[in-house]
Amino acid sequence: MSAWAPGGALVASIDVTAATVQRGDVIQVGGHAARVRDLFQLPQGAKQLVFESGELLTIHARSRLVAVRSRRRR
């Protein structure tokens, strides 16, 4: 699903894994949306996500999450 966000950005819901997650992705965890501020590579393909709130989430290499990612208008 894609939609226009305020400011002219196109946002889309996408599946992300440890290999594809990016800074700025908004992931819903436990009913709360959290924006990824930073990420760290861990052994065996896992990643630790640091959210803007300071909370941490470690995802396995094969974990799949749904994220909202904004794309700049061209």
PDB file of N, CA and C in Angstrom:
ATOM      1  N   MET A   1       0.839  -1.177   0.000  1.00  0.00           N
ATOM      2  CA  MET A   1       0.000   0.000   0.000  1.00  0.00           C
ATOM      3  C   MET A   1       0.884   1.239   0.000  1.00  0.00           C
ATOM      4  N   SER A   2       0.585   2.179  -0.841  1.00  0.00           N
ATOM      5  CA  SER A   2       1.308   3.445  -0.910  1.00  0.00           C
ATOM      6  C   SER A   2       0.330   4.587  -0.714  1.00  0.00           C
ATOM      7  N   ALA A   3       0.808   5.660  -0.154  1.00  0.00           N
ATOM      8  CA  ALA A   3      -0.021   6.843   0.064  1.00  0.00           C
ATOM      9  C   ALA A   3       0.879   8.066   0.106  1.00  0.00           C
ATOM     10  N   TRP A   4       0.274   9.212  -0.120  1.00  0.00           N
ATOM     11  CA  TRP A   4       1.021  10.459  -0.017  1.00  0.00           C
ATOM     12  C   TRP A   4       0.974  10.952   1.417  1.00  0.00           C
ATOM     13  N   ALA A   5       2.111  11.353   1.928  1.00  0.00           N
ATOM     14  CA  ALA A   5       2.211  11.906   3.273  1.00  0.00           C
ATOM     15  C   ALA A   5       2.347  13.422   3.173  1.00  0.00           C
ATOM     16  N   PRO A   6       2.067  14.141   4.255  1.00  0.00           N
ATOM     17  CA  PRO A   6       2.266  15.587   4.236  1.00  0.00           C
ATOM     18  C   PRO A   6       3.703  15.917   3.840  1.00  0.00           C
ATOM     19  N   GLY A   7       3.879  16.933   3.061  1.00  0.00           N
ATOM     20  CA  GLY A   7       5.202  17.315   2.611  1.00  0.00           C
ATOM     21  C   GLY A   7       5.569  16.705   1.267  1.00  0.00           C
ATOM     22  N   GLY A   8       4.658  15.917   0.690  1.00  0.00           N
ATOM     23  CA  GLY A   8       4.893  15.391  -0.635  1.00  0.00           C
ATOM     24  C   GLY A   8       5.657  14.090  -0.704  1.00  0.00           C
ATOM     25  N   ALA A   9       5.899  13.432   0.424  1.00  0.00           N
ATOM     26  CA  ALA A   9       6.622  12.159   0.400  1.00  0.00           C
ATOM     27  C   ALA A   9       5.652  11.017   0.152  1.00  0.00           C
ATOM     28  N   LEU A  10       6.093  10.036  -0.593  1.00  0.00           N
ATOM     29  CA  LEU A  10       5.310   8.835  -0.829  1.00  0.00           C
ATOM     30  C   LEU A  10       5.704   7.822   0.236  1.00  0.00           C
ATOM     31  N   VAL A  11       4.739   7.276   0.957  1.00  0.00           N
ATOM     32  CA  VAL A  11       5.037   6.275   1.985  1.00  0.00           C
ATOM     33  C   VAL A  11       4.432   4.947   1.555  1.00  0.00           C
ATOM     34  N   ALA A  12       5.128   3.862   1.911  1.00  0.00           N
ATOM     35  CA  ALA A  12       4.669   2.532   1.540  1.00  0.00           C
ATOM     36  C   ALA A  12       4.939   1.566   2.677  1.00  0.00           C
ATOM     37  N   SER A  13       4.023   0.610   2.861  1.00  0.00           N
ATOM     38  CA  SER A  13       4.238  -0.477   3.808  1.00  0.00           C
ATOM     39  C   SER A  13       5.014  -1.560   3.078  1.00  0.00           C
ATOM     40  N   ILE A  14       6.119  -1.990   3.687  1.00  0.00           N
ATOM     41  CA  ILE A  14       6.956  -3.004   3.066  1.00  0.00           C
ATOM     42  C   ILE A  14       7.383  -4.026   4.106  1.00  0.00           C
ATOM     43  N   ASP A  15       7.727  -5.218   3.655  1.00  0.00           N
ATOM     44  CA  ASP A  15       8.321  -6.224   4.539  1.00  0.00           C
ATOM     45  C   ASP A  15       9.806  -5.934   4.628  1.00  0.00           C
ATOM     46  N   VAL A  16      10.347  -5.969   5.838  1.00  0.00           N
ATOM     47  CA  VAL A  16      11.786  -5.788   6.027  1.00  0.00           C
ATOM     48  C   VAL A  16      12.344  -6.966   6.801  1.00  0.00           C
ATOM     49  N   THR A  17      13.603  -7.238   6.555  1.00  0.00           N
ATOM     50  CA  THR A  17      14.347  -8.262   7.281  1.00  0.00           C
ATOM     51  C   THR A  17      15.587  -7.595   7.857  1.00  0.00           C
ATOM     52  N   ALA A  18      16.406  -8.369   8.552  1.00  0.00           N
ATOM     53  CA  ALA A  18      17.651  -7.818   9.085  1.00  0.00           C
ATOM     54  C   ALA A  18      18.535  -7.291   7.953  1.00  0.00           C
ATOM     55  N   ALA A  19      18.435  -7.897   6.779  1.00  0.00           N
ATOM     56  CA  ALA A  19      19.251  -7.476   5.644  1.00  0.00           C
ATOM     57  C   ALA A  19      18.738  -6.206   4.974  1.00  0.00           C
ATOM     58  N   THR A  20      17.443  -5.893   5.116  1.00  0.00           N
ATOM     59  CA  THR A  20      16.872  -4.768   4.358  1.00  0.00           C
ATOM     60  C   THR A  20      16.400  -3.597   5.209  1.00  0.00           C
ATOM     61  N   VAL A  21      16.368  -3.736   6.532  1.00  0.00           N
ATOM     62  CA  VAL A  21      15.903  -2.646   7.385  1.00  0.00           C
ATOM     63  C   VAL A  21      16.852  -1.459   7.256  1.00  0.00           C
ATOM     64  N   GLN A  22      16.310  -0.244   7.312  1.00  0.00           N
ATOM     65  CA  GLN A  22      17.105   0.975   7.150  1.00  0.00           C
ATOM     66  C   GLN A  22      16.782   1.976   8.245  1.00  0.00           C
ATOM     67  N   ARG A  23      17.732   2.881   8.468  1.00  0.00           N
ATOM     68  CA  ARG A  23      17.458   3.997   9.380  1.00  0.00           C
ATOM     69  C   ARG A  23      16.271   4.775   8.822  1.00  0.00           C
ATOM     70  N   GLY A  24      15.384   5.204   9.713  1.00  0.00           N
ATOM     71  CA  GLY A  24      14.221   5.969   9.299  1.00  0.00           C
ATOM     72  C   GLY A  24      12.975   5.135   9.086  1.00  0.00           C
ATOM     73  N   ASP A  25      13.122   3.807   8.963  1.00  0.00           N
ATOM     74  CA  ASP A  25      11.948   2.935   8.840  1.00  0.00           C
ATOM     75  C   ASP A  25      11.114   3.049  10.110  1.00  0.00           C
ATOM     76  N   VAL A  26       9.803   3.020   9.961  1.00  0.00           N
ATOM     77  CA  VAL A  26       8.899   3.042  11.108  1.00  0.00           C
ATOM     78  C   VAL A  26       8.302   1.649  11.232  1.00  0.00           C
ATOM     79  N   ILE A  27       8.565   1.000  12.368  1.00  0.00           N
ATOM     80  CA  ILE A  27       8.136  -0.370  12.612  1.00  0.00           C
ATOM     81  C   ILE A  27       7.160  -0.371  13.774  1.00  0.00           C
ATOM     82  N   GLN A  28       6.085  -1.113  13.623  1.00  0.00           N
ATOM     83  CA  GLN A  28       5.116  -1.218  14.703  1.00  0.00           C
ATOM     84  C   GLN A  28       5.486  -2.409  15.580  1.00  0.00           C
ATOM     85  N   VAL A  29       5.743  -2.136  16.848  1.00  0.00           N
ATOM     86  CA  VAL A  29       6.129  -3.166  17.815  1.00  0.00           C
ATOM     87  C   VAL A  29       5.207  -3.054  19.020  1.00  0.00           C
ATOM     88  N   GLY A  30       4.472  -4.112  19.301  1.00  0.00           N
ATOM     89  CA  GLY A  30       3.587  -4.105  20.458  1.00  0.00           C
ATOM     90  C   GLY A  30       2.518  -3.030  20.388  1.00  0.00           C
ATOM     91  N   GLY A  31       2.058  -2.703  19.184  1.00  0.00           N
ATOM     92  CA  GLY A  31       1.011  -1.705  19.030  1.00  0.00           C
ATOM     93  C   GLY A  31       1.510  -0.268  19.014  1.00  0.00           C
ATOM     94  N   HIS A  32       2.824  -0.075  19.105  1.00  0.00           N
ATOM     95  CA  HIS A  32       3.403   1.272  19.097  1.00  0.00           C
ATOM     96  C   HIS A  32       4.335   1.422  17.907  1.00  0.00           C
ATOM     97  N   ALA A  33       4.200   2.511  17.194  1.00  0.00           N
ATOM     98  CA  ALA A  33       5.087   2.779  16.068  1.00  0.00           C
ATOM     99  C   ALA A  33       6.403   3.344  16.585  1.00  0.00           C
ATOM    100  N   ALA A  34       7.512   2.834  16.048  1.00  0.00           N
ATOM    101  CA  ALA A  34       8.832   3.290  16.478  1.00  0.00           C
ATOM    102  C   ALA A  34       9.710   3.491  15.244  1.00  0.00           C
ATOM    103  N   ARG A  35      10.411   4.629  15.192  1.00  0.00           N
ATOM    104  CA  ARG A  35      11.293   4.939  14.064  1.00  0.00           C
ATOM    105  C   ARG A  35      12.715   4.477  14.393  1.00  0.00           C
ATOM    106  N   VAL A  36      13.332   3.780  13.436  1.00  0.00           N
ATOM    107  CA  VAL A  36      14.697   3.273  13.610  1.00  0.00           C
ATOM    108  C   VAL A  36      15.671   4.443  13.523  1.00  0.00           C
ATOM    109  N   ARG A  37      16.425   4.651  14.599  1.00  0.00           N
ATOM    110  CA  ARG A  37      17.430   5.714  14.641  1.00  0.00           C
ATOM    111  C   ARG A  37      18.797   5.200  14.219  1.00  0.00           C
ATOM    112  N   ASP A  38      19.119   3.956  14.611  1.00  0.00           N
ATOM    113  CA  ASP A  38      20.430   3.389  14.316  1.00  0.00           C
ATOM    114  C   ASP A  38      20.312   1.883  14.308  1.00  0.00           C
ATOM    115  N   LEU A  39      21.263   1.213  13.690  1.00  0.00           N
ATOM    116  CA  LEU A  39      21.270  -0.246  13.707  1.00  0.00           C
ATOM    117  C   LEU A  39      22.697  -0.761  13.743  1.00  0.00           C
ATOM    118  N   PHE A  40      22.842  -1.950  14.347  1.00  0.00           N
ATOM    119  CA  PHE A  40      24.149  -2.560  14.510  1.00  0.00           C
ATOM    120  C   PHE A  40      24.106  -4.001  14.033  1.00  0.00           C
ATOM    121  N   GLN A  41      25.127  -4.377  13.265  1.00  0.00           N
ATOM    122  CA  GLN A  41      25.238  -5.750  12.782  1.00  0.00           C
ATOM    123  C   GLN A  41      25.680  -6.647  13.927  1.00  0.00           C
ATOM    124  N   LEU A  42      25.032  -7.797  14.077  1.00  0.00           N
ATOM    125  CA  LEU A  42      25.372  -8.788  15.085  1.00  0.00           C
ATOM    126  C   LEU A  42      25.802 -10.069  14.375  1.00  0.00           C
ATOM    127  N   PRO A  43      26.371 -11.014  15.105  1.00  0.00           N
ATOM    128  CA  PRO A  43      26.783 -12.275  14.475  1.00  0.00           C
ATOM    129  C   PRO A  43      25.610 -13.013  13.835  1.00  0.00           C
ATOM    130  N   GLN A  44      25.916 -13.811  12.831  1.00  0.00           N
ATOM    131  CA  GLN A  44      24.974 -14.684  12.141  1.00  0.00           C
ATOM    132  C   GLN A  44      23.837 -13.926  11.442  1.00  0.00           C
ATOM    133  N   GLY A  45      24.103 -12.704  11.006  1.00  0.00           N
ATOM    134  CA  GLY A  45      23.137 -11.951  10.214  1.00  0.00           C
ATOM    135  C   GLY A  45      22.069 -11.214  10.996  1.00  0.00           C
ATOM    136  N   ALA A  46      22.107 -11.278  12.317  1.00  0.00           N
ATOM    137  CA  ALA A  46      21.122 -10.558  13.131  1.00  0.00           C
ATOM    138  C   ALA A  46      21.481  -9.074  13.182  1.00  0.00           C
ATOM    139  N   LYS A  47      20.512  -8.250  13.562  1.00  0.00           N
ATOM    140  CA  LYS A  47      20.758  -6.814  13.747  1.00  0.00           C
ATOM    141  C   LYS A  47      20.070  -6.341  15.003  1.00  0.00           C
ATOM    142  N   GLN A  48      20.681  -5.359  15.640  1.00  0.00           N
ATOM    143  CA  GLN A  48      20.063  -4.700  16.784  1.00  0.00           C
ATOM    144  C   GLN A  48      19.612  -3.329  16.312  1.00  0.00           C
ATOM    145  N   LEU A  49      18.314  -3.058  16.465  1.00  0.00           N
ATOM    146  CA  LEU A  49      17.742  -1.784  16.062  1.00  0.00           C
ATOM    147  C   LEU A  49      17.646  -0.878  17.278  1.00  0.00           C
ATOM    148  N   VAL A  50      18.010   0.378  17.105  1.00  0.00           N
ATOM    149  CA  VAL A  50      17.867   1.378  18.154  1.00  0.00           C
ATOM    150  C   VAL A  50      16.803   2.356  17.672  1.00  0.00           C
ATOM    151  N   PHE A  51      15.729   2.498  18.443  1.00  0.00           N
ATOM    152  CA  PHE A  51      14.641   3.384  18.059  1.00  0.00           C
ATOM    153  C   PHE A  51      14.874   4.784  18.622  1.00  0.00           C
ATOM    154  N   GLU A  52      14.190   5.773  18.074  1.00  0.00           N
ATOM    155  CA  GLU A  52      14.330   7.158  18.542  1.00  0.00           C
ATOM    156  C   GLU A  52      13.991   7.294  20.014  1.00  0.00           C
ATOM    157  N   SER A  53      13.144   6.403  20.529  1.00  0.00           N
ATOM    158  CA  SER A  53      12.764   6.431  21.943  1.00  0.00           C
ATOM    159  C   SER A  53      13.870   5.899  22.844  1.00  0.00           C
ATOM    160  N   GLY A  54      14.916   5.303  22.246  1.00  0.00           N
ATOM    161  CA  GLY A  54      16.004   4.714  23.017  1.00  0.00           C
ATOM    162  C   GLY A  54      15.837   3.219  23.238  1.00  0.00           C
ATOM    163  N   GLU A  55      14.686   2.684  22.873  1.00  0.00           N
ATOM    164  CA  GLU A  55      14.444   1.254  23.033  1.00  0.00           C
ATOM    165  C   GLU A  55      15.241   0.466  21.995  1.00  0.00           C
ATOM    166  N   LEU A  56      15.533  -0.794  22.326  1.00  0.00           N
ATOM    167  CA  LEU A  56      16.299  -1.673  21.454  1.00  0.00           C
ATOM    168  C   LEU A  56      15.447  -2.856  21.035  1.00  0.00           C
ATOM    169  N   LEU A  57      15.682  -3.347  19.830  1.00  0.00           N
ATOM    170  CA  LEU A  57      15.048  -4.565  19.352  1.00  0.00           C
ATOM    171  C   LEU A  57      16.098  -5.331  18.565  1.00  0.00           C
ATOM    172  N   THR A  58      16.300  -6.587  18.922  1.00  0.00           N
ATOM    173  CA  THR A  58      17.219  -7.443  18.182  1.00  0.00           C
ATOM    174  C   THR A  58      16.402  -8.368  17.299  1.00  0.00           C
ATOM    175  N   ILE A  59      16.727  -8.385  16.010  1.00  0.00           N
ATOM    176  CA  ILE A  59      16.006  -9.262  15.097  1.00  0.00           C
ATOM    177  C   ILE A  59      16.964 -10.282  14.502  1.00  0.00           C
ATOM    178  N   HIS A  60      16.461 -11.483  14.353  1.00  0.00           N
ATOM    179  CA  HIS A  60      17.189 -12.603  13.777  1.00  0.00           C
ATOM    180  C   HIS A  60      17.327 -12.385  12.273  1.00  0.00           C
ATOM    181  N   ALA A  61      18.263 -13.046  11.666  1.00  0.00           N
ATOM    182  CA  ALA A  61      18.492 -12.892  10.225  1.00  0.00           C
ATOM    183  C   ALA A  61      17.256 -13.235   9.405  1.00  0.00           C
ATOM    184  N   ARG A  62      16.397 -14.137   9.890  1.00  0.00           N
ATOM    185  CA  ARG A  62      15.224 -14.546   9.122  1.00  0.00           C
ATOM    186  C   ARG A  62      13.921 -13.933   9.630  1.00  0.00           C
ATOM    187  N   SER A  63      13.994 -12.993  10.564  1.00  0.00           N
ATOM    188  CA  SER A  63      12.793 -12.304  11.046  1.00  0.00           C
ATOM    189  C   SER A  63      12.221 -11.421   9.941  1.00  0.00           C
ATOM    190  N   ARG A  64      10.901 -11.344   9.870  1.00  0.00           N
ATOM    191  CA  ARG A  64      10.223 -10.456   8.914  1.00  0.00           C
ATOM    192  C   ARG A  64       9.317  -9.520   9.694  1.00  0.00           C
ATOM    193  N   LEU A  65       9.442  -8.236   9.415  1.00  0.00           N
ATOM    194  CA  LEU A  65       8.619  -7.215  10.055  1.00  0.00           C
ATOM    195  C   LEU A  65       7.989  -6.354   8.967  1.00  0.00           C
ATOM    196  N   VAL A  66       6.904  -5.692   9.310  1.00  0.00           N
ATOM    197  CA  VAL A  66       6.285  -4.738   8.381  1.00  0.00           C
ATOM    198  C   VAL A  66       6.711  -3.340   8.820  1.00  0.00           C
ATOM    199  N   ALA A  67       7.201  -2.574   7.872  1.00  0.00           N
ATOM    200  CA  ALA A  67       7.659  -1.219   8.160  1.00  0.00           C
ATOM    201  C   ALA A  67       6.996  -0.244   7.195  1.00  0.00           C
ATOM    202  N   VAL A  68       6.972   1.002   7.593  1.00  0.00           N
ATOM    203  CA  VAL A  68       6.536   2.086   6.713  1.00  0.00           C
ATOM    204  C   VAL A  68       7.795   2.851   6.357  1.00  0.00           C
ATOM    205  N   ARG A  69       8.011   2.997   5.072  1.00  0.00           N
ATOM    206  CA  ARG A  69       9.204   3.695   4.593  1.00  0.00           C
ATOM    207  C   ARG A  69       8.749   4.830   3.696  1.00  0.00           C
ATOM    208  N   SER A  70       9.313   6.009   3.893  1.00  0.00           N
ATOM    209  CA  SER A  70       8.959   7.139   3.031  1.00  0.00           C
ATOM    210  C   SER A  70       9.990   7.262   1.929  1.00  0.00           C
ATOM    211  N   ARG A  71       9.488   7.594   0.769  1.00  0.00           N
ATOM    212  CA  ARG A  71      10.356   7.804  -0.390  1.00  0.00           C
ATOM    213  C   ARG A  71      10.181   9.230  -0.844  1.00  0.00           C
ATOM    214  N   ARG A  72      11.276   9.836  -1.228  1.00  0.00           N
ATOM    215  CA  ARG A  72      11.211  11.220  -1.691  1.00  0.00           C
ATOM    216  C   ARG A  72      10.510  11.281  -3.043  1.00  0.00           C
ATOM    217  N   ARG A  73       9.812  12.342  -3.243  1.00  0.00           N
ATOM    218  CA  ARG A  73       9.140  12.576  -4.512  1.00  0.00           C
ATOM    219  C   ARG A  73      10.177  12.919  -5.586  1.00  0.00           C
ATOM    220  N   ARG A  74       9.999  12.373  -6.766  1.00  0.00           N
ATOM    221  CA  ARG A  74      10.981  12.634  -7.847  1.00  0.00           C
ATOM    222  C   ARG A  74      10.490  13.693  -8.773  1.00  0.00           C
TER     223      ARG A  74
END
